[in-house]
Protein backbone atom coordinates (compact mmCIF):
# COMPACT_ATOMS: atom_id res chain seq x y z
CA UNK A 1 -0.11 -0.28 -0.13
CA UNK A 2 1.17 3.70 -0.85
CA UNK A 3 3.41 5.33 1.86
CA UNK A 4 0.94 8.14 1.25
CA UNK A 5 -2.82 6.82 2.26
CA UNK A 6 -3.66 6.15 5.67
CA UNK A 7 -6.21 3.50 5.81
CA UNK A 8 -9.35 4.24 7.96
CA UNK A 9 -9.77 1.76 11.37
CA UNK A 10 -11.91 1.35 14.54
CA UNK A 11 -10.30 4.15 17.14
CA UNK A 12 -8.25 3.15 19.81
CA UNK A 13 -10.00 3.38 23.29
CA UNK A 14 -9.21 7.10 23.70
CA UNK A 15 -11.05 7.52 20.32
CA UNK A 16 -8.40 8.59 18.14
CA UNK A 17 -8.10 7.13 14.41
CA UNK A 18 -5.49 9.12 12.83
CA UNK A 19 -2.60 10.89 13.46
CA UNK A 20 -0.22 12.54 11.25
CA UNK A 21 2.82 14.53 12.73
CA UNK A 22 5.81 16.29 10.70
CA UNK A 23 8.00 13.25 12.01
CA UNK A 24 5.51 10.49 10.76
CA UNK A 25 4.61 11.96 7.48
CA UNK A 26 8.42 13.16 6.85
CA UNK A 27 7.91 16.53 6.49
CA UNK A 28 7.97 20.15 8.15
CA UNK A 29 4.60 21.77 8.93
CA UNK A 30 1.39 19.72 8.90
CA UNK A 31 -0.10 17.83 11.60
CA UNK A 32 -3.59 16.29 11.68
CA UNK A 33 -5.98 14.15 13.76
CA UNK A 34 -8.90 12.47 13.75
CA UNK A 35 -10.81 11.58 16.65
CA UNK A 36 -14.25 9.66 17.15
CA UNK A 37 -15.55 10.08 20.11
CA UNK A 38 -18.47 8.70 22.43
CA UNK A 39 -20.66 10.95 24.58
CA UNK A 40 -18.84 11.83 27.45
CA UNK A 41 -15.58 10.91 25.99
CA UNK A 42 -12.78 13.71 25.90
CA UNK A 43 -9.87 14.74 24.17
CA UNK A 44 -7.05 17.77 25.62
CA UNK A 45 -4.11 18.77 24.90
CA UNK A 46 -2.06 21.18 27.27
CA UNK A 47 -0.46 23.58 24.67
CA UNK A 48 2.80 23.96 22.38
CA UNK A 49 4.33 25.95 20.07
CA UNK A 50 1.91 24.62 17.66
CA UNK A 51 -1.65 26.57 16.22
CA UNK A 52 -4.72 24.10 16.46
CA UNK A 53 -8.07 24.52 14.53
CA UNK A 54 -10.46 21.96 15.74
CA UNK A 55 -13.00 21.23 13.15
CA UNK A 56 -16.52 19.27 14.09
CA UNK A 57 -16.69 17.15 11.13
CA UNK A 58 -19.96 16.10 13.04
CA UNK A 59 -21.77 16.02 16.20
CA UNK A 60 -22.03 18.41 19.36
CA UNK A 61 -19.66 19.14 22.00
CA UNK A 62 -18.37 21.72 25.06
CA UNK A 63 -15.07 22.97 23.86
CA UNK A 64 -12.66 24.91 25.96
CA UNK A 65 -9.49 26.93 24.74
CA UNK A 66 -7.00 29.11 26.58
CA UNK A 67 -9.82 30.96 28.88
CA UNK A 68 -12.75 30.65 26.82
CA UNK A 69 -15.29 27.89 26.97
CA UNK A 70 -18.44 27.20 24.62
CA UNK A 71 -20.59 24.69 26.16
CA UNK A 72 -22.67 23.33 23.16
CA UNK A 73 -21.36 23.63 20.08
CA UNK A 74 -21.79 22.26 16.85
CA UNK A 75 -25.14 21.68 14.61
CA UNK A 76 -24.32 18.95 12.11
CA UNK A 77 -24.17 15.25 13.05
CA UNK A 78 -21.96 14.82 9.59
CA UNK A 79 -20.55 16.17 6.49
CA UNK A 80 -22.86 15.56 3.75
CA UNK A 81 -26.04 17.32 5.63
CA UNK A 82 -25.38 20.45 3.64
CA UNK A 83 -24.23 22.78 6.64
CA UNK A 84 -21.47 24.12 7.51
CA UNK A 85 -19.16 23.13 10.26
CA UNK A 86 -18.60 24.70 13.85
CA UNK A 87 -14.53 25.00 14.45
CA UNK A 88 -12.59 26.69 16.89
CA UNK A 89 -9.09 28.25 16.54
CA UNK A 90 -6.24 27.73 19.35
CA UNK A 91 -3.08 29.69 19.37
CA UNK A 92 -0.03 28.44 19.87
CA UNK A 93 0.58 27.84 23.80
CA UNK A 94 -2.85 27.75 24.78
CA UNK A 95 -4.37 24.81 26.49
CA UNK A 96 -7.89 23.06 24.66
CA UNK A 97 -10.23 20.48 25.82
CA UNK A 98 -13.06 18.78 24.18
CA UNK A 99 -15.77 16.63 25.55
CA UNK A 100 -18.57 14.92 23.19
CA UNK A 101 -21.93 16.00 24.00
CA UNK A 102 -23.16 13.51 21.29
CA UNK A 103 -20.79 11.02 18.91
CA UNK A 104 -18.25 13.18 17.96
CA UNK A 105 -15.94 13.11 14.75
CA UNK A 106 -13.17 15.94 15.52
CA UNK A 107 -10.39 17.10 13.35
CA UNK A 108 -7.28 18.37 15.04
CA UNK A 109 -5.35 20.29 12.11
CA UNK A 110 -1.99 21.76 13.68
CA UNK A 111 0.93 23.53 12.54
CA UNK A 112 3.95 25.76 13.58
CA UNK A 113 2.74 29.05 15.80
CA UNK A 114 4.63 31.89 14.68
CA UNK A 115 3.85 34.16 18.14
CA UNK A 116 1.10 36.12 16.53
CA UNK A 117 -0.39 36.84 19.86
CA UNK A 118 -3.95 36.00 18.41
CA UNK A 119 -6.78 34.97 20.91
CA UNK A 120 -8.45 31.56 20.77
CA UNK A 121 -11.56 32.20 18.89
CA UNK A 122 -15.35 30.09 18.11
CA UNK A 123 -15.23 29.87 14.01
CA UNK A 124 -19.11 29.51 13.61
CA UNK A 125 -21.20 28.80 10.27
CA UNK A 126 -22.01 32.36 9.58
CA UNK A 127 -17.91 32.61 9.56
CA UNK A 128 -17.26 30.32 6.98
CA UNK A 129 -17.25 31.73 3.35
CA UNK A 130 -19.08 29.47 1.16
CA UNK A 131 -17.79 29.40 -2.58
CA UNK A 132 -18.93 26.92 -5.73
CA UNK A 133 -15.97 26.21 -7.89
CA UNK A 134 -15.77 24.69 -11.73
CA UNK A 135 -18.93 23.96 -13.73
CA UNK A 136 -20.76 20.80 -15.28
CA UNK A 137 -18.60 17.29 -13.77
CA UNK A 138 -15.84 19.72 -12.20
CA UNK A 139 -18.47 21.51 -9.71
CA UNK A 140 -17.44 21.12 -6.22
CA UNK A 141 -18.61 23.07 -2.76
CA UNK A 142 -16.05 24.68 -0.88
CA UNK A 143 -16.35 25.79 2.43
CA UNK A 144 -13.44 28.13 3.79
CA UNK A 145 -12.94 27.03 7.33
CA UNK A 146 -9.71 28.90 7.94
CA UNK A 147 -8.36 31.00 4.53
CA UNK A 148 -5.49 33.20 3.92
CA UNK A 149 -6.94 36.49 4.95
CA UNK A 150 -8.54 34.70 8.23
CA UNK A 151 -6.22 35.57 11.48
CA UNK A 152 -3.85 32.56 11.91
CA UNK A 153 0.12 31.90 11.94
CA UNK A 154 0.62 29.04 9.60
CA UNK A 155 -2.89 27.15 9.06
CA UNK A 156 -4.99 26.91 6.04
CA UNK A 157 -8.20 24.86 6.36
CA UNK A 158 -11.05 24.12 3.92
CA UNK A 159 -13.56 21.62 3.25
CA UNK A 160 -14.86 20.37 -0.26
CA UNK A 161 -18.08 18.30 -1.20
CA UNK A 162 -17.93 17.19 -4.63
CA UNK A 163 -21.13 15.44 -6.33
CA UNK A 164 -21.29 12.30 -6.74
CA UNK A 165 -19.14 11.27 -10.32
CA UNK A 166 -17.41 14.55 -9.90
CA UNK A 167 -14.10 15.57 -9.98
CA UNK A 168 -12.21 17.58 -7.34
CA UNK A 169 -8.72 19.73 -7.24
CA UNK A 170 -9.14 19.35 -10.65
CA UNK A 171 -7.57 20.36 -13.32
CA UNK A 172 -4.48 19.20 -11.47
CA UNK A 173 -2.47 21.54 -9.35
CA UNK A 174 -0.08 21.70 -7.31
CA UNK A 175 1.62 23.98 -4.52
CA UNK A 176 5.13 22.78 -3.59
CA UNK A 177 7.67 25.62 -4.81
CA UNK A 178 8.18 29.10 -2.38
CA UNK A 179 7.63 31.08 -5.70
CA UNK A 180 4.76 33.81 -4.87
CA UNK A 181 2.97 34.96 -6.63
CA UNK A 182 2.99 32.13 -9.21
CA UNK A 183 3.01 29.07 -6.40
CA UNK A 184 3.51 28.98 -3.02
CA UNK A 185 4.83 25.73 -0.74
CA UNK A 186 2.26 24.42 1.07
CA UNK A 187 2.42 20.62 2.49
CA UNK A 188 -1.12 19.18 2.78
CA UNK A 189 -3.46 16.23 3.95
CA UNK A 190 -6.97 15.12 2.84
CA UNK A 191 -9.40 13.46 5.04
CA UNK A 192 -12.01 11.68 3.13
CA UNK A 193 -15.52 10.72 3.67
CA UNK A 194 -17.58 8.92 1.34
CA UNK A 195 -21.48 9.13 1.01
CA UNK A 196 -22.88 5.86 1.13
CA UNK A 197 -20.18 4.81 2.87
CA UNK A 198 -19.30 1.62 0.85
CA UNK A 199 -18.15 3.80 -1.90
CA UNK A 200 -14.72 5.01 -3.12
CA UNK A 201 -13.16 7.72 -4.82
CA UNK A 202 -9.76 7.88 -6.47
CA UNK A 203 -6.84 10.47 -6.12
CA UNK A 204 -3.84 10.28 -7.65
CA UNK A 205 -0.40 12.40 -6.10
CA UNK A 206 2.25 12.91 -9.18
CA UNK A 207 4.98 15.34 -10.15
CA UNK A 208 6.01 16.77 -13.83
CA UNK A 209 9.09 14.15 -13.83
CA UNK A 210 6.97 11.28 -12.43
CA UNK A 211 9.53 10.41 -9.62
CA UNK A 212 6.58 10.76 -7.52
CA UNK A 213 3.37 9.14 -9.56
CA UNK A 214 0.89 7.13 -7.32
CA UNK A 215 -3.12 6.47 -8.02
CA UNK A 216 -4.80 5.50 -4.60
CA UNK A 217 -8.28 4.06 -4.32
CA UNK A 218 -9.72 5.92 -1.43
CA UNK A 219 -12.38 4.78 1.02
CA UNK A 220 -14.49 6.10 3.85
CA UNK A 221 -12.21 7.76 6.42
CA UNK A 222 -8.88 7.34 4.89
CA UNK A 223 -6.11 10.10 4.96
CA UNK A 224 -4.02 10.89 1.92
CA UNK A 225 -0.73 12.57 2.52
CA UNK A 226 0.42 15.17 -0.43
CA UNK A 227 4.22 16.55 0.43
CA UNK A 228 4.35 17.90 -3.46
CA UNK A 229 2.75 17.52 -6.55
CA UNK A 230 -0.44 17.39 -8.12
CA UNK A 231 -3.01 15.90 -6.45
CA UNK A 232 -6.43 15.37 -8.44
CA UNK A 233 -9.61 13.42 -6.97
CA UNK A 234 -12.76 11.52 -9.08
CA UNK A 235 -16.08 10.67 -6.93
CA UNK A 236 -17.07 7.64 -8.42
CA UNK A 237 -20.92 7.77 -9.77
CA UNK A 238 -23.46 7.36 -7.25
CA UNK A 239 -21.25 8.13 -4.16
CA UNK A 240 -20.41 11.78 -3.21
CA UNK A 241 -17.39 12.71 -1.88
CA UNK A 242 -16.49 15.36 1.22
CA UNK A 243 -12.75 16.11 2.39
CA UNK A 244 -11.15 18.22 4.87
CA UNK A 245 -7.68 20.18 3.61
CA UNK A 246 -5.38 21.23 6.12
CA UNK A 247 -2.51 23.15 4.57
CA UNK A 248 0.90 24.58 5.75
CA UNK A 249 4.13 25.68 4.58
CA UNK A 250 6.85 28.65 5.24
CA UNK A 251 4.60 31.67 4.26
CA UNK A 252 0.51 31.39 5.01
CA UNK A 253 -0.41 31.86 1.30
CA UNK A 254 -2.46 29.69 -1.27
CA UNK A 255 -1.19 29.76 -4.66
CA UNK A 256 -1.05 27.65 -6.76
CA UNK A 257 0.24 26.08 -10.40
CA UNK A 258 -2.12 24.23 -13.05
CA UNK A 259 -0.61 21.33 -14.66
CA UNK A 260 0.30 22.97 -18.27
CA UNK A 261 -0.88 19.87 -20.37
CA UNK A 262 -4.58 20.54 -18.75
CA UNK A 263 -4.57 24.22 -18.26
CA UNK A 264 -6.32 24.60 -21.75
CA UNK A 265 -9.73 23.72 -19.31
CA UNK A 266 -9.23 26.87 -17.58
CA UNK A 267 -9.64 29.21 -21.13
């Protein structure tokens, strides 16, 4: 199996399913965890040099960050309800704690903090821009949870719904060279969900010289690592696809380069 593909599996006793760190991924910036908590379960962190965005993929929870607390956060029970998520931004050094009020699917997105002195904050659904991208079978629906214009040190976080049979992250694009404004260097994780869950999608990760060229069959709950290269995704007919992206790099900016042979589709 590809080293870029992390298969879904049952959570451990603490609710942890996936843990990606810069050390395990062999890169520098992005960290990602996925927790599936039963009602009453908690997950907490004492705070360190990394900033965090806690995304409620589904469920309701009490969330504390620094000196702030929100007792009942979350409206949607899963990512396919047509609603935007609730999230909480936690600056580097601040402790946080999540207690599940219902079964909870929690994404913990991290990147280096740069000492920006930002306060913790709730990112409510009304704070999340909606963007419809593409047309025809390249249409997808974007919730920009932590955009490059929102306050943060390093993190960029976005979720995307791709209708059944459609393509996403397409035409193929990459962001692995620090050459702003043409392109920015960003590592990226994809956390995939599929509806109905027995479906599948395909994701290819490849470079121009094909020194990296892997095509993966993605199932519900899998994670794909994108250290570099192009990374298009296709959803199978009959199955809509959700993914949560976490990006970070040496500069907090999202500039991408479309594969030259496919750029004709943008004209």
